[in-house]
Amino acid sequence: MKQMICAAALVASVLLPTMSSAQTVDVTGEVGWVSEYYYRGIPQATSSASAGLELETAGFYLGSWAADVGDGAEIDLYGGYAVEAAGFDLGLGATGYFYTGDFDATYREANVFAGRGPIEVEFSFGQWDAFEGPSENYTFVGATASHEGLYLSGGIFGGDFEGRYAEAGYDFSIVADLDMRASWIWSDRALSGRGVPDHTLALGITKTFRLLGG
């Protein structure tokens, strides 16, 4: 966990000295744990701890998030710009997924987001640095609907990747402002890695804290 927090803190140590004192800068951090770590319907690890750090100012954001994936760690770096216009929440960003150990190779993505009310959609175009052979290009389209803690989401991969997944769950808070999530995740056989469709139940807990800002 200490290594994860240090990786996330690297972003802040580089950026904070460059920020103007006249700007309003919000810095938030989080630590968490999930019983089953799935991402876009793809199983990553069982019992995974995580930590993250994010800076936001004037609609621009930059952050890092890291998780234990058993054979090393996943370290994500992301950034972008979000704005509200004509009742829509719009965002444009980029994400890199990096790994220590031999768990996986690097992914790089361009991300577009749009939302209105309880609905949010995402389109991402990415490239995977395959272990052997040329890099592979892929797309991901996802959507999430939420209402009073309940949510339903799903997505489809395209290009050199394929697969579909669906997820449903409930977010709620308990004592000490701990955020809990109970979820059900279904993956088709292309994403499950088991040759057949798969589903699982997962429980997660997250603590978010403000380091700087109002």
N, C-alpha and C. Protein backbone atom coordinates (compact mmCIF):
# COMPACT_ATOMS: atom_id res chain seq x y z
N MET A 1 0.83 -1.20 0.00
CA MET A 1 0.00 0.00 0.00
C MET A 1 0.87 1.26 0.00
N LYS A 2 2.00 1.23 0.71
CA LYS A 2 2.88 2.39 0.76
C LYS A 2 3.40 2.72 -0.62
N GLN A 3 3.75 1.70 -1.42
CA GLN A 3 4.23 1.94 -2.76
C GLN A 3 3.15 2.55 -3.64
N MET A 4 1.89 2.10 -3.46
CA MET A 4 0.79 2.65 -4.24
C MET A 4 0.60 4.13 -3.94
N ILE A 5 0.62 4.50 -2.66
CA ILE A 5 0.43 5.90 -2.28
C ILE A 5 1.57 6.76 -2.79
N CYS A 6 2.79 6.25 -2.76
CA CYS A 6 3.93 7.01 -3.27
C CYS A 6 3.81 7.25 -4.76
N ALA A 7 3.33 6.25 -5.50
CA ALA A 7 3.15 6.41 -6.94
C ALA A 7 2.10 7.48 -7.24
N ALA A 8 1.01 7.46 -6.49
CA ALA A 8 -0.02 8.47 -6.69
C ALA A 8 0.48 9.86 -6.30
N ALA A 9 1.24 9.95 -5.23
CA ALA A 9 1.73 11.25 -4.75
C ALA A 9 2.73 11.89 -5.69
N LEU A 10 3.35 11.10 -6.58
CA LEU A 10 4.32 11.64 -7.51
C LEU A 10 3.69 12.70 -8.40
N VAL A 11 2.44 12.50 -8.78
CA VAL A 11 1.76 13.49 -9.61
C VAL A 11 1.69 14.84 -8.91
N ALA A 12 1.30 14.83 -7.65
CA ALA A 12 1.16 16.08 -6.90
C ALA A 12 2.51 16.76 -6.69
N SER A 13 3.56 16.00 -6.41
CA SER A 13 4.87 16.58 -6.15
C SER A 13 5.44 17.28 -7.37
N VAL A 14 5.02 16.82 -8.56
CA VAL A 14 5.50 17.46 -9.78
C VAL A 14 4.67 18.69 -10.12
N LEU A 15 3.34 18.63 -9.92
CA LEU A 15 2.47 19.68 -10.39
C LEU A 15 2.26 20.83 -9.42
N LEU A 16 2.18 20.54 -8.14
CA LEU A 16 1.84 21.58 -7.18
C LEU A 16 2.77 22.80 -7.23
N PRO A 17 4.11 22.62 -7.37
CA PRO A 17 4.95 23.81 -7.42
C PRO A 17 4.70 24.69 -8.62
N THR A 18 4.08 24.14 -9.70
CA THR A 18 3.85 24.93 -10.90
C THR A 18 2.52 25.65 -10.89
N MET A 19 1.65 25.37 -9.93
CA MET A 19 0.33 25.99 -9.89
C MET A 19 0.42 27.41 -9.34
N SER A 20 -0.29 28.32 -9.97
CA SER A 20 -0.34 29.70 -9.49
C SER A 20 -1.12 29.76 -8.20
N SER A 21 -0.66 30.60 -7.30
CA SER A 21 -1.36 30.75 -6.02
C SER A 21 -2.73 31.37 -6.20
N ALA A 22 -2.96 32.03 -7.35
CA ALA A 22 -4.26 32.66 -7.60
C ALA A 22 -5.31 31.65 -8.02
N GLN A 23 -4.89 30.46 -8.41
CA GLN A 23 -5.83 29.45 -8.85
C GLN A 23 -6.37 28.67 -7.65
N THR A 24 -7.60 28.21 -7.77
CA THR A 24 -8.18 27.33 -6.77
C THR A 24 -7.85 25.90 -7.17
N VAL A 25 -7.10 25.22 -6.33
CA VAL A 25 -6.67 23.85 -6.62
C VAL A 25 -7.27 22.93 -5.56
N ASP A 26 -7.99 21.92 -6.00
CA ASP A 26 -8.53 20.90 -5.11
C ASP A 26 -7.70 19.64 -5.27
N VAL A 27 -7.27 19.09 -4.15
CA VAL A 27 -6.51 17.84 -4.16
C VAL A 27 -7.23 16.85 -3.26
N THR A 28 -7.61 15.72 -3.82
CA THR A 28 -8.28 14.68 -3.04
C THR A 28 -7.52 13.37 -3.17
N GLY A 29 -7.62 12.55 -2.15
CA GLY A 29 -7.00 11.24 -2.17
C GLY A 29 -8.00 10.18 -1.76
N GLU A 30 -7.66 8.94 -2.03
CA GLU A 30 -8.54 7.84 -1.62
C GLU A 30 -7.72 6.58 -1.39
N VAL A 31 -8.22 5.74 -0.51
CA VAL A 31 -7.70 4.40 -0.32
C VAL A 31 -8.90 3.46 -0.33
N GLY A 32 -8.70 2.24 -0.79
CA GLY A 32 -9.83 1.34 -0.88
C GLY A 32 -9.43 -0.12 -0.97
N TRP A 33 -10.44 -0.95 -0.99
CA TRP A 33 -10.26 -2.41 -1.11
C TRP A 33 -11.49 -2.99 -1.75
N VAL A 34 -11.30 -4.00 -2.62
CA VAL A 34 -12.42 -4.74 -3.20
C VAL A 34 -12.16 -6.23 -3.05
N SER A 35 -13.25 -6.97 -2.85
CA SER A 35 -13.12 -8.42 -2.72
C SER A 35 -12.78 -9.06 -4.06
N GLU A 36 -13.29 -8.48 -5.16
CA GLU A 36 -12.99 -8.94 -6.52
C GLU A 36 -12.77 -7.71 -7.38
N TYR A 37 -11.57 -7.55 -7.92
CA TYR A 37 -11.27 -6.39 -8.76
C TYR A 37 -11.54 -6.76 -10.22
N TYR A 38 -12.59 -6.16 -10.77
CA TYR A 38 -12.93 -6.29 -12.18
C TYR A 38 -12.83 -4.90 -12.81
N TYR A 39 -12.37 -4.83 -14.05
CA TYR A 39 -12.38 -3.55 -14.77
C TYR A 39 -12.96 -3.79 -16.16
N ARG A 40 -14.06 -3.11 -16.45
CA ARG A 40 -14.77 -3.28 -17.71
C ARG A 40 -15.10 -4.75 -17.96
N GLY A 41 -15.46 -5.43 -16.89
CA GLY A 41 -15.85 -6.82 -17.00
C GLY A 41 -14.72 -7.81 -17.05
N ILE A 42 -13.49 -7.36 -16.96
CA ILE A 42 -12.32 -8.24 -17.04
C ILE A 42 -11.79 -8.50 -15.64
N PRO A 43 -11.68 -9.76 -15.21
CA PRO A 43 -11.16 -10.04 -13.87
C PRO A 43 -9.69 -9.67 -13.77
N GLN A 44 -9.33 -8.96 -12.69
CA GLN A 44 -7.95 -8.52 -12.48
C GLN A 44 -7.31 -9.22 -11.29
N ALA A 45 -7.98 -9.20 -10.14
CA ALA A 45 -7.38 -9.79 -8.93
C ALA A 45 -8.47 -10.01 -7.89
N THR A 46 -8.22 -10.96 -7.00
CA THR A 46 -9.06 -11.19 -5.83
C THR A 46 -8.46 -10.50 -4.63
N SER A 47 -9.27 -9.80 -3.87
CA SER A 47 -8.83 -9.06 -2.68
C SER A 47 -7.71 -8.08 -3.04
N SER A 48 -8.11 -6.94 -3.60
CA SER A 48 -7.16 -5.96 -4.11
C SER A 48 -7.28 -4.64 -3.36
N ALA A 49 -6.16 -4.13 -2.84
CA ALA A 49 -6.10 -2.82 -2.20
C ALA A 49 -5.70 -1.78 -3.25
N SER A 50 -6.13 -0.53 -3.03
CA SER A 50 -5.85 0.52 -4.00
C SER A 50 -5.66 1.85 -3.30
N ALA A 51 -5.08 2.81 -4.03
CA ALA A 51 -4.91 4.17 -3.53
C ALA A 51 -4.82 5.11 -4.72
N GLY A 52 -5.29 6.34 -4.53
CA GLY A 52 -5.27 7.30 -5.62
C GLY A 52 -5.14 8.72 -5.14
N LEU A 53 -4.79 9.61 -6.06
CA LEU A 53 -4.63 11.04 -5.78
C LEU A 53 -5.03 11.81 -7.01
N GLU A 54 -5.81 12.90 -6.83
CA GLU A 54 -6.27 13.68 -7.98
C GLU A 54 -6.21 15.17 -7.68
N LEU A 55 -5.75 15.94 -8.69
CA LEU A 55 -5.73 17.39 -8.63
C LEU A 55 -6.75 17.93 -9.63
N GLU A 56 -7.50 18.98 -9.24
CA GLU A 56 -8.48 19.58 -10.13
C GLU A 56 -8.44 21.09 -9.98
N THR A 57 -8.46 21.79 -11.11
CA THR A 57 -8.50 23.25 -11.09
C THR A 57 -9.13 23.74 -12.38
N ALA A 58 -10.13 24.60 -12.28
CA ALA A 58 -10.77 25.24 -13.42
C ALA A 58 -11.21 24.24 -14.48
N GLY A 59 -11.69 23.09 -14.06
CA GLY A 59 -12.17 22.08 -15.00
C GLY A 59 -11.12 21.10 -15.46
N PHE A 60 -9.85 21.42 -15.26
CA PHE A 60 -8.76 20.51 -15.63
C PHE A 60 -8.48 19.57 -14.45
N TYR A 61 -8.15 18.33 -14.76
CA TYR A 61 -7.84 17.37 -13.70
C TYR A 61 -6.68 16.48 -14.12
N LEU A 62 -5.95 16.01 -13.13
CA LEU A 62 -4.81 15.12 -13.35
C LEU A 62 -4.68 14.23 -12.14
N GLY A 63 -4.48 12.95 -12.35
CA GLY A 63 -4.43 12.05 -11.22
C GLY A 63 -3.69 10.77 -11.48
N SER A 64 -3.55 10.01 -10.42
CA SER A 64 -2.93 8.70 -10.48
C SER A 64 -3.69 7.77 -9.55
N TRP A 65 -3.78 6.50 -9.95
CA TRP A 65 -4.48 5.49 -9.16
C TRP A 65 -3.71 4.19 -9.30
N ALA A 66 -3.55 3.46 -8.21
CA ALA A 66 -2.78 2.23 -8.25
C ALA A 66 -3.49 1.14 -7.46
N ALA A 67 -3.32 -0.10 -7.92
CA ALA A 67 -3.99 -1.23 -7.27
C ALA A 67 -3.07 -2.45 -7.28
N ASP A 68 -3.24 -3.28 -6.26
CA ASP A 68 -2.53 -4.55 -6.18
C ASP A 68 -3.21 -5.55 -7.12
N VAL A 69 -2.44 -6.13 -8.05
CA VAL A 69 -3.01 -7.12 -8.96
C VAL A 69 -2.33 -8.48 -8.79
N GLY A 70 -1.74 -8.70 -7.62
CA GLY A 70 -1.12 -9.99 -7.34
C GLY A 70 0.31 -10.04 -7.82
N ASP A 71 0.49 -10.13 -9.14
CA ASP A 71 1.83 -10.14 -9.72
C ASP A 71 2.26 -8.70 -9.99
N GLY A 72 2.55 -7.96 -8.92
CA GLY A 72 2.93 -6.56 -9.06
C GLY A 72 1.76 -5.63 -8.84
N ALA A 73 1.84 -4.45 -9.45
CA ALA A 73 0.83 -3.41 -9.26
C ALA A 73 0.42 -2.81 -10.59
N GLU A 74 -0.83 -2.38 -10.65
CA GLU A 74 -1.32 -1.57 -11.76
C GLU A 74 -1.21 -0.11 -11.34
N ILE A 75 -0.63 0.73 -12.20
CA ILE A 75 -0.49 2.15 -11.91
C ILE A 75 -1.08 2.92 -13.09
N ASP A 76 -2.14 3.68 -12.81
CA ASP A 76 -2.83 4.44 -13.85
C ASP A 76 -2.49 5.92 -13.71
N LEU A 77 -2.24 6.57 -14.84
CA LEU A 77 -2.08 8.01 -14.90
C LEU A 77 -3.13 8.56 -15.85
N TYR A 78 -3.83 9.63 -15.44
CA TYR A 78 -4.89 10.15 -16.28
C TYR A 78 -5.00 11.66 -16.13
N GLY A 79 -5.60 12.28 -17.11
CA GLY A 79 -5.81 13.71 -17.07
C GLY A 79 -6.81 14.12 -18.12
N GLY A 80 -7.35 15.35 -18.00
CA GLY A 80 -8.30 15.81 -18.99
C GLY A 80 -8.98 17.10 -18.57
N TYR A 81 -10.07 17.39 -19.25
CA TYR A 81 -10.84 18.61 -19.00
C TYR A 81 -12.32 18.27 -19.02
N ALA A 82 -13.07 18.78 -18.05
CA ALA A 82 -14.51 18.55 -17.96
C ALA A 82 -15.23 19.88 -17.86
N VAL A 83 -16.39 19.98 -18.51
CA VAL A 83 -17.14 21.23 -18.53
C VAL A 83 -18.63 20.90 -18.59
N GLU A 84 -19.46 21.80 -18.08
CA GLU A 84 -20.90 21.68 -18.20
C GLU A 84 -21.39 22.68 -19.22
N ALA A 85 -22.16 22.22 -20.21
CA ALA A 85 -22.65 23.10 -21.27
C ALA A 85 -24.04 22.64 -21.70
N ALA A 86 -24.98 23.57 -21.72
CA ALA A 86 -26.35 23.30 -22.18
C ALA A 86 -26.98 22.12 -21.46
N GLY A 87 -26.68 21.98 -20.18
CA GLY A 87 -27.25 20.90 -19.40
C GLY A 87 -26.54 19.57 -19.52
N PHE A 88 -25.46 19.52 -20.28
CA PHE A 88 -24.68 18.30 -20.45
C PHE A 88 -23.34 18.43 -19.72
N ASP A 89 -22.89 17.32 -19.15
CA ASP A 89 -21.54 17.22 -18.60
C ASP A 89 -20.65 16.59 -19.66
N LEU A 90 -19.62 17.30 -20.10
CA LEU A 90 -18.76 16.84 -21.19
C LEU A 90 -17.32 16.74 -20.72
N GLY A 91 -16.59 15.76 -21.22
CA GLY A 91 -15.21 15.59 -20.81
C GLY A 91 -14.37 14.99 -21.90
N LEU A 92 -13.10 15.37 -21.91
CA LEU A 92 -12.11 14.85 -22.86
C LEU A 92 -10.83 14.59 -22.09
N GLY A 93 -10.26 13.40 -22.25
CA GLY A 93 -9.06 13.09 -21.47
C GLY A 93 -8.23 11.99 -22.08
N ALA A 94 -7.23 11.58 -21.33
CA ALA A 94 -6.33 10.50 -21.74
C ALA A 94 -5.95 9.70 -20.51
N THR A 95 -5.73 8.40 -20.70
CA THR A 95 -5.40 7.49 -19.60
C THR A 95 -4.30 6.54 -20.03
N GLY A 96 -3.36 6.29 -19.13
CA GLY A 96 -2.35 5.27 -19.35
C GLY A 96 -2.40 4.25 -18.23
N TYR A 97 -2.37 2.97 -18.59
CA TYR A 97 -2.39 1.88 -17.61
C TYR A 97 -1.04 1.17 -17.69
N PHE A 98 -0.30 1.21 -16.59
CA PHE A 98 1.05 0.66 -16.55
C PHE A 98 1.13 -0.41 -15.46
N TYR A 99 2.06 -1.36 -15.63
CA TYR A 99 2.13 -2.50 -14.71
C TYR A 99 3.56 -2.80 -14.32
N THR A 100 3.74 -3.11 -13.04
CA THR A 100 4.99 -3.70 -12.60
C THR A 100 4.82 -5.22 -12.67
N GLY A 101 5.90 -5.95 -12.69
CA GLY A 101 5.79 -7.40 -12.82
C GLY A 101 5.35 -7.78 -14.22
N ASP A 102 4.83 -9.00 -14.36
CA ASP A 102 4.44 -9.53 -15.67
C ASP A 102 2.93 -9.70 -15.79
N PHE A 103 2.16 -8.93 -15.04
CA PHE A 103 0.70 -9.10 -15.07
C PHE A 103 0.13 -8.74 -16.43
N ASP A 104 0.57 -7.63 -17.02
CA ASP A 104 0.03 -7.19 -18.31
C ASP A 104 0.99 -6.19 -18.92
N ALA A 105 0.70 -5.80 -20.17
CA ALA A 105 1.48 -4.79 -20.86
C ALA A 105 0.74 -3.45 -20.81
N THR A 106 1.37 -2.40 -21.32
CA THR A 106 0.85 -1.04 -21.20
C THR A 106 -0.33 -0.80 -22.15
N TYR A 107 -1.31 -0.04 -21.64
CA TYR A 107 -2.44 0.44 -22.43
C TYR A 107 -2.40 1.97 -22.43
N ARG A 108 -2.72 2.57 -23.58
CA ARG A 108 -2.85 4.03 -23.68
C ARG A 108 -4.17 4.35 -24.36
N GLU A 109 -4.93 5.30 -23.77
CA GLU A 109 -6.26 5.60 -24.29
C GLU A 109 -6.52 7.09 -24.42
N ALA A 110 -7.36 7.44 -25.39
CA ALA A 110 -8.02 8.75 -25.46
C ALA A 110 -9.47 8.51 -25.07
N ASN A 111 -10.01 9.37 -24.19
CA ASN A 111 -11.34 9.15 -23.62
C ASN A 111 -12.24 10.35 -23.85
N VAL A 112 -13.49 10.08 -24.23
CA VAL A 112 -14.51 11.12 -24.39
C VAL A 112 -15.70 10.73 -23.52
N PHE A 113 -16.23 11.68 -22.74
CA PHE A 113 -17.35 11.42 -21.84
C PHE A 113 -18.47 12.42 -22.10
N ALA A 114 -19.69 11.98 -21.91
CA ALA A 114 -20.85 12.88 -21.98
C ALA A 114 -21.92 12.36 -21.04
N GLY A 115 -22.58 13.29 -20.33
CA GLY A 115 -23.62 12.87 -19.40
C GLY A 115 -24.72 13.91 -19.29
N ARG A 116 -25.90 13.43 -18.95
CA ARG A 116 -27.02 14.33 -18.68
C ARG A 116 -27.90 13.65 -17.65
N GLY A 117 -28.10 14.32 -16.52
CA GLY A 117 -28.89 13.72 -15.46
C GLY A 117 -28.25 12.43 -14.97
N PRO A 118 -29.01 11.35 -14.90
CA PRO A 118 -28.48 10.10 -14.35
C PRO A 118 -27.73 9.24 -15.36
N ILE A 119 -27.59 9.69 -16.62
CA ILE A 119 -26.99 8.88 -17.68
C ILE A 119 -25.62 9.44 -18.06
N GLU A 120 -24.63 8.56 -18.17
CA GLU A 120 -23.31 8.95 -18.66
C GLU A 120 -22.83 7.92 -19.66
N VAL A 121 -22.24 8.40 -20.76
CA VAL A 121 -21.69 7.50 -21.77
C VAL A 121 -20.21 7.82 -21.96
N GLU A 122 -19.46 6.81 -22.41
CA GLU A 122 -18.02 6.94 -22.61
C GLU A 122 -17.64 6.30 -23.94
N PHE A 123 -16.72 6.94 -24.65
CA PHE A 123 -16.08 6.31 -25.81
C PHE A 123 -14.58 6.46 -25.64
N SER A 124 -13.87 5.35 -25.76
CA SER A 124 -12.42 5.36 -25.63
C SER A 124 -11.78 4.64 -26.80
N PHE A 125 -10.68 5.19 -27.27
CA PHE A 125 -9.86 4.55 -28.30
C PHE A 125 -8.50 4.29 -27.70
N GLY A 126 -8.03 3.04 -27.77
CA GLY A 126 -6.79 2.70 -27.09
C GLY A 126 -5.85 1.86 -27.91
N GLN A 127 -4.64 1.73 -27.38
CA GLN A 127 -3.60 0.89 -27.97
C GLN A 127 -2.96 0.07 -26.88
N TRP A 128 -2.79 -1.22 -27.13
CA TRP A 128 -2.18 -2.14 -26.18
C TRP A 128 -0.83 -2.58 -26.71
N ASP A 129 0.20 -2.43 -25.88
CA ASP A 129 1.54 -2.89 -26.24
C ASP A 129 1.64 -4.38 -25.98
N ALA A 130 1.33 -5.19 -26.98
CA ALA A 130 1.31 -6.63 -26.81
C ALA A 130 2.68 -7.14 -26.37
N PHE A 131 2.67 -8.24 -25.59
CA PHE A 131 3.93 -8.81 -25.11
C PHE A 131 4.80 -9.24 -26.28
N GLU A 132 4.20 -9.83 -27.28
CA GLU A 132 4.91 -10.26 -28.48
C GLU A 132 4.10 -9.84 -29.70
N GLY A 133 4.79 -9.41 -30.74
CA GLY A 133 4.09 -8.99 -31.93
C GLY A 133 3.74 -7.52 -31.89
N PRO A 134 3.03 -7.04 -32.94
CA PRO A 134 2.70 -5.61 -33.02
C PRO A 134 1.65 -5.21 -31.99
N SER A 135 1.58 -3.90 -31.73
CA SER A 135 0.55 -3.37 -30.83
C SER A 135 -0.83 -3.58 -31.43
N GLU A 136 -1.84 -3.64 -30.56
CA GLU A 136 -3.22 -3.83 -30.99
C GLU A 136 -4.05 -2.61 -30.64
N ASN A 137 -4.94 -2.23 -31.54
CA ASN A 137 -5.81 -1.08 -31.33
C ASN A 137 -7.22 -1.55 -30.97
N TYR A 138 -7.89 -0.83 -30.10
CA TYR A 138 -9.22 -1.24 -29.67
C TYR A 138 -10.07 -0.01 -29.37
N THR A 139 -11.38 -0.25 -29.31
CA THR A 139 -12.32 0.78 -28.88
C THR A 139 -13.13 0.23 -27.72
N PHE A 140 -13.67 1.13 -26.92
CA PHE A 140 -14.57 0.75 -25.84
C PHE A 140 -15.70 1.76 -25.77
N VAL A 141 -16.92 1.26 -25.76
CA VAL A 141 -18.12 2.10 -25.59
C VAL A 141 -18.85 1.62 -24.36
N GLY A 142 -19.12 2.53 -23.43
CA GLY A 142 -19.78 2.15 -22.19
C GLY A 142 -20.83 3.16 -21.79
N ALA A 143 -21.77 2.73 -20.95
CA ALA A 143 -22.83 3.61 -20.46
C ALA A 143 -23.19 3.23 -19.04
N THR A 144 -23.56 4.24 -18.25
CA THR A 144 -23.97 4.02 -16.86
C THR A 144 -25.21 4.84 -16.55
N ALA A 145 -26.17 4.20 -15.90
CA ALA A 145 -27.37 4.89 -15.39
C ALA A 145 -27.40 4.72 -13.88
N SER A 146 -27.67 5.80 -13.15
CA SER A 146 -27.66 5.73 -11.69
C SER A 146 -28.83 6.52 -11.10
N HIS A 147 -29.26 6.06 -9.92
CA HIS A 147 -30.36 6.74 -9.23
C HIS A 147 -30.33 6.36 -7.76
N GLU A 148 -30.10 7.36 -6.90
CA GLU A 148 -30.14 7.19 -5.45
C GLU A 148 -29.31 5.98 -4.99
N GLY A 149 -28.10 5.90 -5.50
CA GLY A 149 -27.18 4.85 -5.08
C GLY A 149 -27.19 3.61 -5.95
N LEU A 150 -28.30 3.34 -6.61
CA LEU A 150 -28.37 2.21 -7.52
C LEU A 150 -27.76 2.58 -8.86
N TYR A 151 -27.08 1.62 -9.49
CA TYR A 151 -26.50 1.90 -10.80
C TYR A 151 -26.53 0.65 -11.67
N LEU A 152 -26.54 0.88 -12.97
CA LEU A 152 -26.48 -0.17 -13.96
C LEU A 152 -25.55 0.30 -15.06
N SER A 153 -24.55 -0.50 -15.40
CA SER A 153 -23.60 -0.10 -16.43
C SER A 153 -23.25 -1.28 -17.31
N GLY A 154 -22.66 -0.98 -18.46
CA GLY A 154 -22.25 -2.03 -19.38
C GLY A 154 -21.37 -1.45 -20.45
N GLY A 155 -20.71 -2.32 -21.20
CA GLY A 155 -19.82 -1.85 -22.24
C GLY A 155 -19.49 -2.92 -23.25
N ILE A 156 -18.98 -2.46 -24.40
CA ILE A 156 -18.62 -3.33 -25.51
C ILE A 156 -17.25 -2.92 -26.04
N PHE A 157 -16.38 -3.89 -26.25
CA PHE A 157 -15.09 -3.66 -26.88
C PHE A 157 -15.20 -3.89 -28.39
N GLY A 158 -14.37 -3.18 -29.14
CA GLY A 158 -14.31 -3.36 -30.59
C GLY A 158 -12.88 -3.26 -31.08
N GLY A 159 -12.70 -3.29 -32.39
CA GLY A 159 -11.36 -3.27 -32.97
C GLY A 159 -10.69 -4.62 -32.81
N ASP A 160 -9.42 -4.61 -32.36
CA ASP A 160 -8.68 -5.85 -32.16
C ASP A 160 -9.12 -6.59 -30.90
N PHE A 161 -9.91 -5.96 -30.05
CA PHE A 161 -10.46 -6.61 -28.86
C PHE A 161 -11.94 -6.93 -29.10
N GLU A 162 -12.48 -7.85 -28.31
CA GLU A 162 -13.91 -8.11 -28.35
C GLU A 162 -14.39 -8.49 -26.96
N GLY A 163 -15.65 -8.30 -26.71
CA GLY A 163 -16.23 -8.69 -25.43
C GLY A 163 -17.27 -7.70 -24.96
N ARG A 164 -18.17 -8.20 -24.10
CA ARG A 164 -19.24 -7.39 -23.52
C ARG A 164 -19.36 -7.71 -22.04
N TYR A 165 -19.84 -6.75 -21.29
CA TYR A 165 -20.08 -6.99 -19.87
C TYR A 165 -21.24 -6.13 -19.39
N ALA A 166 -21.79 -6.50 -18.24
CA ALA A 166 -22.83 -5.71 -17.58
C ALA A 166 -22.56 -5.74 -16.08
N GLU A 167 -22.92 -4.66 -15.41
CA GLU A 167 -22.70 -4.56 -13.97
C GLU A 167 -23.85 -3.81 -13.32
N ALA A 168 -24.29 -4.30 -12.19
CA ALA A 168 -25.34 -3.64 -11.42
C ALA A 168 -24.93 -3.62 -9.96
N GLY A 169 -25.31 -2.55 -9.25
CA GLY A 169 -24.91 -2.50 -7.86
C GLY A 169 -25.56 -1.37 -7.09
N TYR A 170 -25.08 -1.22 -5.86
CA TYR A 170 -25.61 -0.21 -4.96
C TYR A 170 -24.47 0.42 -4.18
N ASP A 171 -24.41 1.76 -4.20
CA ASP A 171 -23.41 2.52 -3.44
C ASP A 171 -24.07 3.13 -2.21
N PHE A 172 -23.40 3.03 -1.07
CA PHE A 172 -23.94 3.61 0.15
C PHE A 172 -22.80 3.95 1.10
N SER A 173 -23.07 4.77 2.09
CA SER A 173 -22.07 5.19 3.06
C SER A 173 -22.41 4.66 4.43
N ILE A 174 -21.34 4.41 5.22
CA ILE A 174 -21.53 3.96 6.60
C ILE A 174 -20.74 4.89 7.50
N VAL A 175 -20.45 4.47 8.71
CA VAL A 175 -19.78 5.32 9.68
C VAL A 175 -18.44 5.80 9.15
N ALA A 176 -18.00 6.96 9.68
CA ALA A 176 -16.70 7.55 9.35
C ALA A 176 -16.59 7.87 7.86
N ASP A 177 -17.74 8.15 7.21
CA ASP A 177 -17.76 8.51 5.79
C ASP A 177 -17.07 7.47 4.92
N LEU A 178 -17.25 6.22 5.25
CA LEU A 178 -16.74 5.14 4.42
C LEU A 178 -17.77 4.83 3.34
N ASP A 179 -17.33 4.80 2.08
CA ASP A 179 -18.21 4.51 0.96
C ASP A 179 -18.13 3.03 0.63
N MET A 180 -19.29 2.38 0.56
CA MET A 180 -19.38 0.96 0.29
C MET A 180 -20.03 0.75 -1.08
N ARG A 181 -19.65 -0.35 -1.72
CA ARG A 181 -20.29 -0.75 -2.98
C ARG A 181 -20.49 -2.26 -2.99
N ALA A 182 -21.71 -2.67 -3.25
CA ALA A 182 -22.03 -4.07 -3.48
C ALA A 182 -22.44 -4.21 -4.94
N SER A 183 -21.82 -5.13 -5.68
CA SER A 183 -22.07 -5.19 -7.11
C SER A 183 -22.12 -6.62 -7.63
N TRP A 184 -22.81 -6.77 -8.75
CA TRP A 184 -22.88 -8.01 -9.50
C TRP A 184 -22.33 -7.72 -10.89
N ILE A 185 -21.41 -8.56 -11.36
CA ILE A 185 -20.71 -8.32 -12.63
C ILE A 185 -20.86 -9.55 -13.51
N TRP A 186 -21.32 -9.34 -14.73
CA TRP A 186 -21.42 -10.40 -15.73
C TRP A 186 -20.47 -10.10 -16.87
N SER A 187 -19.71 -11.10 -17.30
CA SER A 187 -18.78 -10.97 -18.42
C SER A 187 -19.04 -12.08 -19.42
N ASP A 188 -18.96 -11.77 -20.72
CA ASP A 188 -19.09 -12.83 -21.70
C ASP A 188 -17.80 -13.64 -21.74
N ARG A 189 -17.79 -14.70 -22.53
CA ARG A 189 -16.65 -15.61 -22.51
C ARG A 189 -15.37 -14.97 -23.04
N ALA A 190 -15.49 -13.92 -23.87
CA ALA A 190 -14.30 -13.24 -24.37
C ALA A 190 -13.57 -12.48 -23.27
N LEU A 191 -14.32 -11.99 -22.28
CA LEU A 191 -13.72 -11.21 -21.20
C LEU A 191 -13.44 -12.04 -19.95
N SER A 192 -14.19 -13.11 -19.75
CA SER A 192 -14.05 -13.87 -18.51
C SER A 192 -12.72 -14.60 -18.41
N GLY A 193 -12.13 -14.94 -19.56
CA GLY A 193 -10.89 -15.70 -19.55
C GLY A 193 -11.09 -17.16 -19.22
N ARG A 194 -12.33 -17.62 -19.16
CA ARG A 194 -12.63 -19.00 -18.78
C ARG A 194 -13.29 -19.80 -19.90
N GLY A 195 -13.47 -19.17 -21.05
CA GLY A 195 -14.09 -19.87 -22.16
C GLY A 195 -15.60 -19.93 -22.11
N VAL A 196 -16.20 -19.46 -21.03
CA VAL A 196 -17.65 -19.42 -20.87
C VAL A 196 -18.01 -18.11 -20.21
N PRO A 197 -19.26 -17.64 -20.36
CA PRO A 197 -19.68 -16.44 -19.63
C PRO A 197 -19.53 -16.64 -18.12
N ASP A 198 -19.30 -15.55 -17.42
CA ASP A 198 -19.03 -15.64 -15.98
C ASP A 198 -19.75 -14.51 -15.26
N HIS A 199 -20.09 -14.72 -14.01
CA HIS A 199 -20.63 -13.64 -13.19
C HIS A 199 -20.10 -13.79 -11.77
N THR A 200 -20.03 -12.67 -11.08
CA THR A 200 -19.49 -12.69 -9.72
C THR A 200 -20.13 -11.59 -8.89
N LEU A 201 -20.10 -11.75 -7.58
CA LEU A 201 -20.51 -10.73 -6.64
C LEU A 201 -19.27 -10.12 -6.00
N ALA A 202 -19.27 -8.81 -5.80
CA ALA A 202 -18.10 -8.14 -5.24
C ALA A 202 -18.53 -7.11 -4.21
N LEU A 203 -17.68 -6.89 -3.22
CA LEU A 203 -17.90 -5.89 -2.19
C LEU A 203 -16.68 -4.99 -2.12
N GLY A 204 -16.90 -3.68 -2.09
CA GLY A 204 -15.79 -2.74 -2.03
C GLY A 204 -16.01 -1.69 -0.96
N ILE A 205 -14.91 -1.12 -0.47
CA ILE A 205 -14.96 -0.06 0.53
C ILE A 205 -13.90 0.98 0.19
N THR A 206 -14.29 2.27 0.25
CA THR A 206 -13.38 3.35 -0.11
C THR A 206 -13.49 4.48 0.90
N LYS A 207 -12.36 5.08 1.21
CA LYS A 207 -12.31 6.28 2.06
C LYS A 207 -11.68 7.40 1.23
N THR A 208 -12.44 8.47 1.01
CA THR A 208 -11.95 9.62 0.28
C THR A 208 -11.69 10.77 1.24
N PHE A 209 -10.59 11.49 1.01
CA PHE A 209 -10.23 12.58 1.92
C PHE A 209 -9.68 13.74 1.10
N ARG A 210 -9.96 14.96 1.57
CA ARG A 210 -9.51 16.17 0.90
C ARG A 210 -8.19 16.62 1.51
N LEU A 211 -7.20 16.85 0.65
CA LEU A 211 -5.89 17.29 1.09
C LEU A 211 -5.69 18.78 0.91
N LEU A 212 -6.39 19.36 -0.07
CA LEU A 212 -6.22 20.78 -0.34
C LEU A 212 -7.49 21.29 -1.02
N GLY A 213 -7.91 22.51 -0.70
CA GLY A 213 -9.07 23.09 -1.33
C GLY A 213 -10.24 23.20 -0.38
N GLY A 214 -11.32 23.83 -0.87
CA GLY A 214 -12.48 24.06 -0.03
C GLY A 214 -13.41 22.87 0.03
